All heavy atoms as atom14 arrays in JSON, in Angstrom:
{
  "sequence": "LFVFIAFVLLAVIVFSISDFYTAQPQYSLRVRFSFASGVEVGAPVRLA",
  "atom14_mask": [
    [1, 1, 1, 1, 1, 1, 1, 1, 0, 0, 0, 0, 0, 0],
    [1, 1, 1, 1, 1, 1, 1, 1, 1, 1, 1, 0, 0, 0],
    [1, 1, 1, 1, 1, 1, 1, 0, 0, 0, 0, 0, 0, 0],
    [1, 1, 1, 1, 1, 1, 1, 1, 1, 1, 1, 0, 0, 0],
    [1, 1, 1, 1, 1, 1, 1, 1, 0, 0, 0, 0, 0, 0],
    [1, 1, 1, 1, 1, 0, 0, 0, 0, 0, 0, 0, 0, 0],
    [1, 1, 1, 1, 1, 1, 1, 1, 1, 1, 1, 0, 0, 0],
    [1, 1, 1, 1, 1, 1, 1, 0, 0, 0, 0, 0, 0, 0],
    [1, 1, 1, 1, 1, 1, 1, 1, 0, 0, 0, 0, 0, 0],
    [1, 1, 1, 1, 1, 1, 1, 1, 0, 0, 0, 0, 0, 0],
    [1, 1, 1, 1, 1, 0, 0, 0, 0, 0, 0, 0, 0, 0],
    [1, 1, 1, 1, 1, 1, 1, 0, 0, 0, 0, 0, 0, 0],
    [1, 1, 1, 1, 1, 1, 1, 1, 0, 0, 0, 0, 0, 0],
    [1, 1, 1, 1, 1, 1, 1, 0, 0, 0, 0, 0, 0, 0],
    [1, 1, 1, 1, 1, 1, 1, 1, 1, 1, 1, 0, 0, 0],
    [1, 1, 1, 1, 1, 1, 0, 0, 0, 0, 0, 0, 0, 0],
    [1, 1, 1, 1, 1, 1, 1, 1, 0, 0, 0, 0, 0, 0],
    [1, 1, 1, 1, 1, 1, 0, 0, 0, 0, 0, 0, 0, 0],
    [1, 1, 1, 1, 1, 1, 1, 1, 0, 0, 0, 0, 0, 0],
    [1, 1, 1, 1, 1, 1, 1, 1, 1, 1, 1, 0, 0, 0],
    [1, 1, 1, 1, 1, 1, 1, 1, 1, 1, 1, 1, 0, 0],
    [1, 1, 1, 1, 1, 1, 1, 0, 0, 0, 0, 0, 0, 0],
    [1, 1, 1, 1, 1, 0, 0, 0, 0, 0, 0, 0, 0, 0],
    [1, 1, 1, 1, 1, 1, 1, 1, 1, 0, 0, 0, 0, 0],
    [1, 1, 1, 1, 1, 1, 1, 0, 0, 0, 0, 0, 0, 0],
    [1, 1, 1, 1, 1, 1, 1, 1, 1, 0, 0, 0, 0, 0],
    [1, 1, 1, 1, 1, 1, 1, 1, 1, 1, 1, 1, 0, 0],
    [1, 1, 1, 1, 1, 1, 0, 0, 0, 0, 0, 0, 0, 0],
    [1, 1, 1, 1, 1, 1, 1, 1, 0, 0, 0, 0, 0, 0],
    [1, 1, 1, 1, 1, 1, 1, 1, 1, 1, 1, 0, 0, 0],
    [1, 1, 1, 1, 1, 1, 1, 0, 0, 0, 0, 0, 0, 0],
    [1, 1, 1, 1, 1, 1, 1, 1, 1, 1, 1, 0, 0, 0],
    [1, 1, 1, 1, 1, 1, 1, 1, 1, 1, 1, 0, 0, 0],
    [1, 1, 1, 1, 1, 1, 0, 0, 0, 0, 0, 0, 0, 0],
    [1, 1, 1, 1, 1, 1, 1, 1, 1, 1, 1, 0, 0, 0],
    [1, 1, 1, 1, 1, 0, 0, 0, 0, 0, 0, 0, 0, 0],
    [1, 1, 1, 1, 1, 1, 0, 0, 0, 0, 0, 0, 0, 0],
    [1, 1, 1, 1, 0, 0, 0, 0, 0, 0, 0, 0, 0, 0],
    [1, 1, 1, 1, 1, 1, 1, 0, 0, 0, 0, 0, 0, 0],
    [1, 1, 1, 1, 1, 1, 1, 1, 1, 0, 0, 0, 0, 0],
    [1, 1, 1, 1, 1, 1, 1, 0, 0, 0, 0, 0, 0, 0],
    [1, 1, 1, 1, 0, 0, 0, 0, 0, 0, 0, 0, 0, 0],
    [1, 1, 1, 1, 1, 0, 0, 0, 0, 0, 0, 0, 0, 0],
    [1, 1, 1, 1, 1, 1, 1, 0, 0, 0, 0, 0, 0, 0],
    [1, 1, 1, 1, 1, 1, 1, 0, 0, 0, 0, 0, 0, 0],
    [1, 1, 1, 1, 1, 1, 1, 1, 1, 1, 1, 0, 0, 0],
    [1, 1, 1, 1, 1, 1, 1, 1, 0, 0, 0, 0, 0, 0],
    [1, 1, 1, 1, 1, 0, 0, 0, 0, 0, 0, 0, 0, 0]
  ],
  "atom14_positions": [
    [[54.35, -48.99, 36.47], [53.48, -47.84, 36.05], [52.64, -48.29, 34.95], [51.45, -47.95, 34.97], [54.43, -46.68, 35.59], [53.82, -45.37, 35.25], [53.06, -44.87, 36.53], [54.79, -44.34, 34.83], [0.0, 0.0, 0.0], [0.0, 0.0, 0.0], [0.0, 0.0, 0.0], [0.0, 0.0, 0.0], [0.0, 0.0, 0.0], [0.0, 0.0, 0.0]],
    [[53.15, -49.11, 34.0], [52.18, -49.55, 32.9], [51.05, -50.32, 33.48], [49.94, -50.17, 33.03], [53.1, -50.41, 31.97], [52.26, -51.0, 30.78], [51.77, -50.2, 29.79], [51.9, -52.34, 30.86], [51.0, -50.83, 28.7], [51.22, -52.86, 29.88], [50.75, -52.14, 28.74], [0.0, 0.0, 0.0], [0.0, 0.0, 0.0], [0.0, 0.0, 0.0]],
    [[51.43, -51.35, 34.36], [50.33, -52.22, 35.02], [49.29, -51.37, 35.79], [48.14, -51.51, 35.68], [51.04, -53.27, 35.89], [49.98, -54.01, 36.68], [51.83, -54.25, 35.03], [0.0, 0.0, 0.0], [0.0, 0.0, 0.0], [0.0, 0.0, 0.0], [0.0, 0.0, 0.0], [0.0, 0.0, 0.0], [0.0, 0.0, 0.0], [0.0, 0.0, 0.0]],
    [[49.79, -50.35, 36.48], [48.92, -49.5, 37.25], [47.95, -48.68, 36.32], [46.73, -48.62, 36.56], [49.7, -48.53, 38.15], [48.87, -47.55, 38.93], [48.23, -47.91, 39.99], [48.79, -46.19, 38.42], [47.29, -47.04, 40.63], [48.0, -45.27, 39.12], [47.3, -45.74, 40.31], [0.0, 0.0, 0.0], [0.0, 0.0, 0.0], [0.0, 0.0, 0.0]],
    [[48.48, -48.1, 35.18], [47.69, -47.37, 34.24], [46.66, -48.35, 33.59], [45.46, -47.94, 33.42], [48.51, -46.67, 33.24], [49.25, -45.5, 33.84], [47.77, -46.09, 32.07], [50.38, -44.85, 33.1], [0.0, 0.0, 0.0], [0.0, 0.0, 0.0], [0.0, 0.0, 0.0], [0.0, 0.0, 0.0], [0.0, 0.0, 0.0], [0.0, 0.0, 0.0]],
    [[47.06, -49.56, 33.21], [46.19, -50.51, 32.69], [45.09, -50.89, 33.66], [43.96, -50.89, 33.26], [46.91, -51.74, 32.27], [0.0, 0.0, 0.0], [0.0, 0.0, 0.0], [0.0, 0.0, 0.0], [0.0, 0.0, 0.0], [0.0, 0.0, 0.0], [0.0, 0.0, 0.0], [0.0, 0.0, 0.0], [0.0, 0.0, 0.0], [0.0, 0.0, 0.0]],
    [[45.37, -51.03, 34.82], [44.36, -51.42, 35.96], [43.35, -50.29, 35.99], [42.18, -50.49, 36.08], [45.02, -51.67, 37.19], [44.01, -51.94, 38.27], [43.27, -53.19, 38.32], [43.78, -51.0, 39.29], [42.43, -53.52, 39.28], [42.75, -51.3, 40.26], [42.15, -52.56, 40.31], [0.0, 0.0, 0.0], [0.0, 0.0, 0.0], [0.0, 0.0, 0.0]],
    [[43.81, -48.95, 36.12], [42.92, -47.79, 36.22], [42.0, -47.67, 34.94], [40.83, -47.49, 35.11], [43.73, -46.46, 36.42], [42.9, -45.3, 36.28], [44.38, -46.51, 37.75], [0.0, 0.0, 0.0], [0.0, 0.0, 0.0], [0.0, 0.0, 0.0], [0.0, 0.0, 0.0], [0.0, 0.0, 0.0], [0.0, 0.0, 0.0], [0.0, 0.0, 0.0]],
    [[42.52, -47.88, 33.77], [41.65, -47.8, 32.55], [40.74, -49.0, 32.6], [39.5, -48.77, 32.11], [42.62, -48.03, 31.31], [43.49, -46.78, 30.97], [44.29, -46.97, 29.71], [42.46, -45.59, 30.63], [0.0, 0.0, 0.0], [0.0, 0.0, 0.0], [0.0, 0.0, 0.0], [0.0, 0.0, 0.0], [0.0, 0.0, 0.0], [0.0, 0.0, 0.0]],
    [[41.06, -50.2, 32.96], [40.12, -51.27, 33.02], [39.06, -50.96, 34.18], [37.8, -51.22, 33.78], [40.79, -52.63, 33.47], [39.91, -53.76, 33.66], [39.42, -54.27, 32.32], [40.72, -54.99, 34.35], [0.0, 0.0, 0.0], [0.0, 0.0, 0.0], [0.0, 0.0, 0.0], [0.0, 0.0, 0.0], [0.0, 0.0, 0.0], [0.0, 0.0, 0.0]],
    [[39.37, -50.31, 35.21], [38.31, -49.92, 36.12], [37.32, -48.96, 35.59], [36.18, -49.05, 35.77], [38.9, -49.52, 37.5], [0.0, 0.0, 0.0], [0.0, 0.0, 0.0], [0.0, 0.0, 0.0], [0.0, 0.0, 0.0], [0.0, 0.0, 0.0], [0.0, 0.0, 0.0], [0.0, 0.0, 0.0], [0.0, 0.0, 0.0], [0.0, 0.0, 0.0]],
    [[37.83, -47.96, 34.88], [37.03, -46.97, 34.34], [36.11, -47.5, 33.3], [34.83, -47.23, 33.28], [37.91, -45.78, 33.66], [37.08, -44.89, 32.87], [38.58, -45.04, 34.72], [0.0, 0.0, 0.0], [0.0, 0.0, 0.0], [0.0, 0.0, 0.0], [0.0, 0.0, 0.0], [0.0, 0.0, 0.0], [0.0, 0.0, 0.0], [0.0, 0.0, 0.0]],
    [[36.46, -48.37, 32.54], [35.76, -49.04, 31.45], [34.66, -49.92, 32.08], [33.41, -49.8, 31.74], [36.49, -49.95, 30.64], [37.5, -48.97, 29.64], [35.74, -50.85, 29.55], [38.55, -49.69, 28.77], [0.0, 0.0, 0.0], [0.0, 0.0, 0.0], [0.0, 0.0, 0.0], [0.0, 0.0, 0.0], [0.0, 0.0, 0.0], [0.0, 0.0, 0.0]],
    [[35.01, -50.75, 33.07], [34.02, -51.56, 33.82], [32.88, -50.76, 34.4], [31.68, -51.04, 34.26], [34.71, -52.5, 34.8], [33.73, -53.2, 35.75], [35.49, -53.6, 34.23], [0.0, 0.0, 0.0], [0.0, 0.0, 0.0], [0.0, 0.0, 0.0], [0.0, 0.0, 0.0], [0.0, 0.0, 0.0], [0.0, 0.0, 0.0], [0.0, 0.0, 0.0]],
    [[33.31, -49.69, 35.17], [32.25, -48.88, 35.74], [31.43, -48.09, 34.82], [30.24, -47.87, 35.12], [32.8, -47.97, 36.92], [33.35, -48.64, 38.03], [34.64, -48.35, 38.52], [32.56, -49.56, 38.62], [35.08, -49.14, 39.65], [33.03, -50.28, 39.76], [34.31, -49.99, 40.3], [0.0, 0.0, 0.0], [0.0, 0.0, 0.0], [0.0, 0.0, 0.0]],
    [[31.98, -47.69, 33.73], [31.23, -46.91, 32.72], [30.18, -47.86, 32.0], [29.05, -47.49, 31.65], [32.04, -46.19, 31.79], [32.67, -47.13, 30.96], [0.0, 0.0, 0.0], [0.0, 0.0, 0.0], [0.0, 0.0, 0.0], [0.0, 0.0, 0.0], [0.0, 0.0, 0.0], [0.0, 0.0, 0.0], [0.0, 0.0, 0.0], [0.0, 0.0, 0.0]],
    [[30.54, -49.12, 31.69], [29.63, -50.05, 31.02], [28.59, -50.54, 31.86], [27.39, -50.72, 31.47], [30.57, -51.3, 30.52], [31.4, -50.79, 29.4], [29.56, -52.36, 30.02], [32.34, -51.89, 28.84], [0.0, 0.0, 0.0], [0.0, 0.0, 0.0], [0.0, 0.0, 0.0], [0.0, 0.0, 0.0], [0.0, 0.0, 0.0], [0.0, 0.0, 0.0]],
    [[28.86, -50.68, 33.21], [27.84, -51.22, 34.17], [26.82, -50.29, 34.71], [26.12, -50.63, 35.63], [28.55, -52.04, 35.23], [29.25, -51.15, 36.09], [0.0, 0.0, 0.0], [0.0, 0.0, 0.0], [0.0, 0.0, 0.0], [0.0, 0.0, 0.0], [0.0, 0.0, 0.0], [0.0, 0.0, 0.0], [0.0, 0.0, 0.0], [0.0, 0.0, 0.0]],
    [[26.84, -49.07, 34.25], [25.81, -47.98, 34.74], [26.03, -47.91, 36.35], [25.11, -48.09, 37.05], [24.45, -48.3, 34.45], [24.22, -48.03, 32.97], [24.9, -47.17, 32.46], [23.24, -48.66, 32.49], [0.0, 0.0, 0.0], [0.0, 0.0, 0.0], [0.0, 0.0, 0.0], [0.0, 0.0, 0.0], [0.0, 0.0, 0.0], [0.0, 0.0, 0.0]],
    [[27.14, -47.73, 36.74], [27.47, -47.78, 38.21], [26.87, -46.49, 38.86], [27.31, -45.35, 38.51], [29.02, -47.84, 38.5], [29.39, -48.24, 39.73], [29.34, -49.57, 40.09], [30.06, -47.39, 40.61], [29.65, -49.99, 41.35], [30.44, -47.81, 41.83], [30.19, -49.2, 42.21], [0.0, 0.0, 0.0], [0.0, 0.0, 0.0], [0.0, 0.0, 0.0]],
    [[25.89, -46.72, 39.66], [25.07, -45.54, 40.25], [25.69, -44.94, 41.41], [25.3, -43.8, 41.87], [23.79, -46.02, 40.67], [22.8, -46.28, 39.49], [22.45, -47.56, 39.17], [22.23, -45.21, 38.81], [21.56, -47.79, 38.04], [21.39, -45.37, 37.72], [21.1, -46.74, 37.31], [20.21, -46.89, 36.29], [0.0, 0.0, 0.0], [0.0, 0.0, 0.0]],
    [[26.73, -45.52, 42.07], [27.25, -44.97, 43.28], [27.92, -43.57, 43.2], [28.19, -42.9, 44.18], [28.3, -45.84, 43.97], [29.31, -46.12, 43.11], [27.61, -47.13, 44.4], [0.0, 0.0, 0.0], [0.0, 0.0, 0.0], [0.0, 0.0, 0.0], [0.0, 0.0, 0.0], [0.0, 0.0, 0.0], [0.0, 0.0, 0.0], [0.0, 0.0, 0.0]],
    [[28.26, -43.14, 41.98], [28.88, -41.84, 41.79], [27.92, -40.73, 42.05], [28.26, -39.6, 42.28], [29.5, -41.68, 40.28], [0.0, 0.0, 0.0], [0.0, 0.0, 0.0], [0.0, 0.0, 0.0], [0.0, 0.0, 0.0], [0.0, 0.0, 0.0], [0.0, 0.0, 0.0], [0.0, 0.0, 0.0], [0.0, 0.0, 0.0], [0.0, 0.0, 0.0]],
    [[26.55, -41.05, 41.97], [25.58, -40.03, 42.14], [24.93, -40.14, 43.53], [24.79, -41.11, 44.14], [24.44, -40.28, 41.09], [24.86, -40.21, 39.75], [23.72, -40.66, 38.64], [22.64, -40.97, 39.14], [23.98, -40.56, 37.45], [0.0, 0.0, 0.0], [0.0, 0.0, 0.0], [0.0, 0.0, 0.0], [0.0, 0.0, 0.0], [0.0, 0.0, 0.0]],
    [[24.53, -38.99, 44.13], [23.82, -39.01, 45.42], [22.49, -39.69, 45.24], [21.82, -39.61, 44.22], [23.57, -37.59, 45.74], [24.47, -36.73, 44.84], [24.75, -37.7, 43.62], [0.0, 0.0, 0.0], [0.0, 0.0, 0.0], [0.0, 0.0, 0.0], [0.0, 0.0, 0.0], [0.0, 0.0, 0.0], [0.0, 0.0, 0.0], [0.0, 0.0, 0.0]],
    [[22.12, -40.59, 46.16], [21.01, -41.48, 46.11], [20.16, -41.46, 47.34], [20.71, -41.04, 48.44], [21.37, -42.91, 45.78], [22.15, -43.1, 44.52], [22.59, -44.6, 44.38], [22.81, -45.23, 45.37], [22.88, -44.98, 43.11], [0.0, 0.0, 0.0], [0.0, 0.0, 0.0], [0.0, 0.0, 0.0], [0.0, 0.0, 0.0], [0.0, 0.0, 0.0]],
    [[18.99, -41.99, 47.31], [18.17, -42.31, 48.52], [17.37, -43.57, 48.24], [17.22, -44.04, 47.06], [17.21, -41.04, 48.89], [16.13, -40.88, 47.97], [14.86, -41.24, 48.33], [16.29, -40.21, 46.66], [13.75, -40.9, 47.38], [15.26, -39.92, 45.91], [13.94, -40.24, 46.28], [12.9, -39.98, 45.41], [0.0, 0.0, 0.0], [0.0, 0.0, 0.0]],
    [[16.9, -44.15, 49.29], [16.12, -45.46, 49.18], [14.71, -45.26, 49.42], [14.23, -44.35, 50.3], [16.71, -46.43, 50.22], [17.99, -46.79, 49.88], [0.0, 0.0, 0.0], [0.0, 0.0, 0.0], [0.0, 0.0, 0.0], [0.0, 0.0, 0.0], [0.0, 0.0, 0.0], [0.0, 0.0, 0.0], [0.0, 0.0, 0.0], [0.0, 0.0, 0.0]],
    [[13.84, -45.93, 48.82], [12.46, -46.13, 49.04], [12.08, -47.71, 49.21], [12.7, -48.44, 48.6], [11.54, -45.57, 47.97], [11.5, -43.97, 47.84], [10.52, -43.73, 46.72], [10.91, -43.39, 49.14], [0.0, 0.0, 0.0], [0.0, 0.0, 0.0], [0.0, 0.0, 0.0], [0.0, 0.0, 0.0], [0.0, 0.0, 0.0], [0.0, 0.0, 0.0]],
    [[10.98, -47.92, 49.98], [10.49, -49.15, 49.99], [9.24, -49.34, 49.15], [8.35, -48.35, 49.2], [10.12, -49.73, 51.41], [11.35, -49.67, 52.35], [11.08, -49.95, 53.85], [10.2, -48.98, 54.35], [9.04, -49.31, 54.97], [8.72, -50.58, 55.34], [8.35, -48.3, 55.44], [0.0, 0.0, 0.0], [0.0, 0.0, 0.0], [0.0, 0.0, 0.0]],
    [[9.02, -50.34, 48.38], [7.81, -50.54, 47.53], [7.36, -51.92, 47.84], [8.0, -52.97, 47.83], [8.3, -50.4, 46.09], [6.99, -50.56, 45.17], [8.92, -49.13, 45.69], [0.0, 0.0, 0.0], [0.0, 0.0, 0.0], [0.0, 0.0, 0.0], [0.0, 0.0, 0.0], [0.0, 0.0, 0.0], [0.0, 0.0, 0.0], [0.0, 0.0, 0.0]],
    [[6.03, -52.0, 48.16], [5.37, -53.17, 48.62], [4.36, -53.53, 47.5], [3.57, -52.86, 47.01], [4.61, -52.93, 49.98], [4.0, -54.15, 50.49], [3.53, -53.95, 51.87], [4.51, -53.53, 52.68], [4.42, -52.87, 53.9], [3.22, -52.53, 54.25], [5.48, -52.6, 54.6], [0.0, 0.0, 0.0], [0.0, 0.0, 0.0], [0.0, 0.0, 0.0]],
    [[4.3, -54.96, 47.25], [3.47, -55.59, 46.26], [3.05, -56.83, 46.92], [3.64, -57.58, 47.65], [4.29, -56.02, 44.94], [4.71, -54.81, 44.13], [6.04, -54.38, 44.23], [3.89, -54.18, 43.29], [6.56, -53.31, 43.38], [4.34, -53.17, 42.52], [5.62, -52.68, 42.56], [0.0, 0.0, 0.0], [0.0, 0.0, 0.0], [0.0, 0.0, 0.0]],
    [[1.72, -57.2, 46.46], [1.21, -58.53, 46.75], [1.75, -59.62, 45.87], [1.91, -60.71, 46.11], [-0.33, -58.58, 46.67], [-0.83, -57.66, 47.67], [0.0, 0.0, 0.0], [0.0, 0.0, 0.0], [0.0, 0.0, 0.0], [0.0, 0.0, 0.0], [0.0, 0.0, 0.0], [0.0, 0.0, 0.0], [0.0, 0.0, 0.0], [0.0, 0.0, 0.0]],
    [[2.12, -59.19, 44.6], [2.66, -60.12, 43.55], [3.81, -59.36, 42.95], [3.65, -58.35, 42.21], [1.51, -60.37, 42.57], [1.9, -61.39, 41.47], [2.21, -62.68, 41.86], [2.1, -60.96, 40.21], [2.53, -63.53, 40.84], [2.6, -61.86, 39.24], [2.69, -63.16, 39.54], [0.0, 0.0, 0.0], [0.0, 0.0, 0.0], [0.0, 0.0, 0.0]],
    [[5.0, -59.86, 43.11], [6.17, -59.26, 42.58], [6.45, -59.52, 41.07], [7.43, -58.87, 40.56], [7.47, -59.58, 43.43], [0.0, 0.0, 0.0], [0.0, 0.0, 0.0], [0.0, 0.0, 0.0], [0.0, 0.0, 0.0], [0.0, 0.0, 0.0], [0.0, 0.0, 0.0], [0.0, 0.0, 0.0], [0.0, 0.0, 0.0], [0.0, 0.0, 0.0]],
    [[5.66, -60.37, 40.51], [5.73, -60.59, 39.11], [7.09, -61.0, 38.51], [7.43, -60.79, 37.37], [5.25, -59.36, 38.38], [4.95, -59.63, 37.0], [0.0, 0.0, 0.0], [0.0, 0.0, 0.0], [0.0, 0.0, 0.0], [0.0, 0.0, 0.0], [0.0, 0.0, 0.0], [0.0, 0.0, 0.0], [0.0, 0.0, 0.0], [0.0, 0.0, 0.0]],
    [[8.02, -61.61, 39.3], [9.34, -62.02, 38.87], [10.42, -61.06, 38.76], [11.41, -61.34, 38.06], [0.0, 0.0, 0.0], [0.0, 0.0, 0.0], [0.0, 0.0, 0.0], [0.0, 0.0, 0.0], [0.0, 0.0, 0.0], [0.0, 0.0, 0.0], [0.0, 0.0, 0.0], [0.0, 0.0, 0.0], [0.0, 0.0, 0.0], [0.0, 0.0, 0.0]],
    [[10.21, -59.88, 39.34], [11.18, -58.8, 39.22], [12.48, -59.31, 40.07], [12.33, -60.05, 41.02], [10.77, -57.51, 39.67], [10.51, -57.39, 41.19], [11.58, -56.39, 39.28], [0.0, 0.0, 0.0], [0.0, 0.0, 0.0], [0.0, 0.0, 0.0], [0.0, 0.0, 0.0], [0.0, 0.0, 0.0], [0.0, 0.0, 0.0], [0.0, 0.0, 0.0]],
    [[13.63, -58.98, 39.74], [14.76, -59.42, 40.33], [15.67, -58.27, 40.79], [15.56, -57.1, 40.47], [15.68, -60.21, 39.4], [14.95, -61.49, 38.93], [15.77, -62.27, 37.92], [16.88, -61.93, 37.52], [15.37, -63.41, 37.55], [0.0, 0.0, 0.0], [0.0, 0.0, 0.0], [0.0, 0.0, 0.0], [0.0, 0.0, 0.0], [0.0, 0.0, 0.0]],
    [[16.61, -58.59, 41.73], [17.6, -57.56, 42.24], [18.43, -57.12, 41.11], [18.84, -57.92, 40.27], [18.45, -58.28, 43.43], [19.67, -57.22, 43.77], [17.65, -58.54, 44.66], [0.0, 0.0, 0.0], [0.0, 0.0, 0.0], [0.0, 0.0, 0.0], [0.0, 0.0, 0.0], [0.0, 0.0, 0.0], [0.0, 0.0, 0.0], [0.0, 0.0, 0.0]],
    [[18.54, -55.8, 41.03], [19.24, -55.21, 39.9], [18.39, -54.71, 38.87], [18.89, -54.09, 37.9], [0.0, 0.0, 0.0], [0.0, 0.0, 0.0], [0.0, 0.0, 0.0], [0.0, 0.0, 0.0], [0.0, 0.0, 0.0], [0.0, 0.0, 0.0], [0.0, 0.0, 0.0], [0.0, 0.0, 0.0], [0.0, 0.0, 0.0], [0.0, 0.0, 0.0]],
    [[17.15, -55.0, 38.9], [16.26, -54.54, 37.79], [16.21, -53.02, 37.83], [16.24, -52.39, 38.83], [14.87, -55.03, 38.06], [0.0, 0.0, 0.0], [0.0, 0.0, 0.0], [0.0, 0.0, 0.0], [0.0, 0.0, 0.0], [0.0, 0.0, 0.0], [0.0, 0.0, 0.0], [0.0, 0.0, 0.0], [0.0, 0.0, 0.0], [0.0, 0.0, 0.0]],
    [[16.02, -52.46, 36.61], [15.93, -50.98, 36.64], [14.64, -50.41, 37.17], [13.59, -51.1, 37.32], [15.93, -50.65, 35.15], [16.05, -51.89, 34.36], [15.95, -53.04, 35.4], [0.0, 0.0, 0.0], [0.0, 0.0, 0.0], [0.0, 0.0, 0.0], [0.0, 0.0, 0.0], [0.0, 0.0, 0.0], [0.0, 0.0, 0.0], [0.0, 0.0, 0.0]],
    [[14.72, -49.19, 37.66], [13.53, -48.43, 38.22], [13.38, -47.23, 37.31], [14.4, -46.54, 37.1], [13.75, -47.98, 39.65], [12.5, -47.21, 40.05], [13.91, -49.21, 40.53], [0.0, 0.0, 0.0], [0.0, 0.0, 0.0], [0.0, 0.0, 0.0], [0.0, 0.0, 0.0], [0.0, 0.0, 0.0], [0.0, 0.0, 0.0], [0.0, 0.0, 0.0]],
    [[12.27, -47.05, 36.7], [11.96, -45.96, 35.73], [11.0, -45.04, 36.38], [9.89, -45.5, 36.8], [11.65, -46.39, 34.46], [12.66, -47.18, 33.78], [12.35, -47.69, 32.41], [13.5, -48.32, 31.82], [13.36, -48.95, 30.63], [12.33, -48.91, 29.92], [14.48, -49.5, 30.1], [0.0, 0.0, 0.0], [0.0, 0.0, 0.0], [0.0, 0.0, 0.0]],
    [[11.13, -43.81, 36.27], [10.18, -42.61, 36.54], [9.78, -41.96, 35.35], [10.73, -41.38, 34.6], [10.77, -41.74, 37.6], [9.93, -40.49, 37.9], [8.62, -40.98, 38.71], [10.69, -39.6, 38.89], [0.0, 0.0, 0.0], [0.0, 0.0, 0.0], [0.0, 0.0, 0.0], [0.0, 0.0, 0.0], [0.0, 0.0, 0.0], [0.0, 0.0, 0.0]],
    [[8.58, -42.05, 34.93], [8.07, -41.44, 33.6], [8.83, -41.94, 32.49], [9.15, -41.26, 31.6], [8.07, -39.94, 33.72], [0.0, 0.0, 0.0], [0.0, 0.0, 0.0], [0.0, 0.0, 0.0], [0.0, 0.0, 0.0], [0.0, 0.0, 0.0], [0.0, 0.0, 0.0], [0.0, 0.0, 0.0], [0.0, 0.0, 0.0], [0.0, 0.0, 0.0]]
  ]
}
């Protein structure tokens, strides 16, 4: 029981620190550029 509770707490901490987006409903868009300027997978997307 102690190990199980410790594992659950660790999982909660990891997901809260990493801004885990899957808890929210989402949708996808495609964005096309001629020059991607070095952006990488995992980079933030900001609206306004």
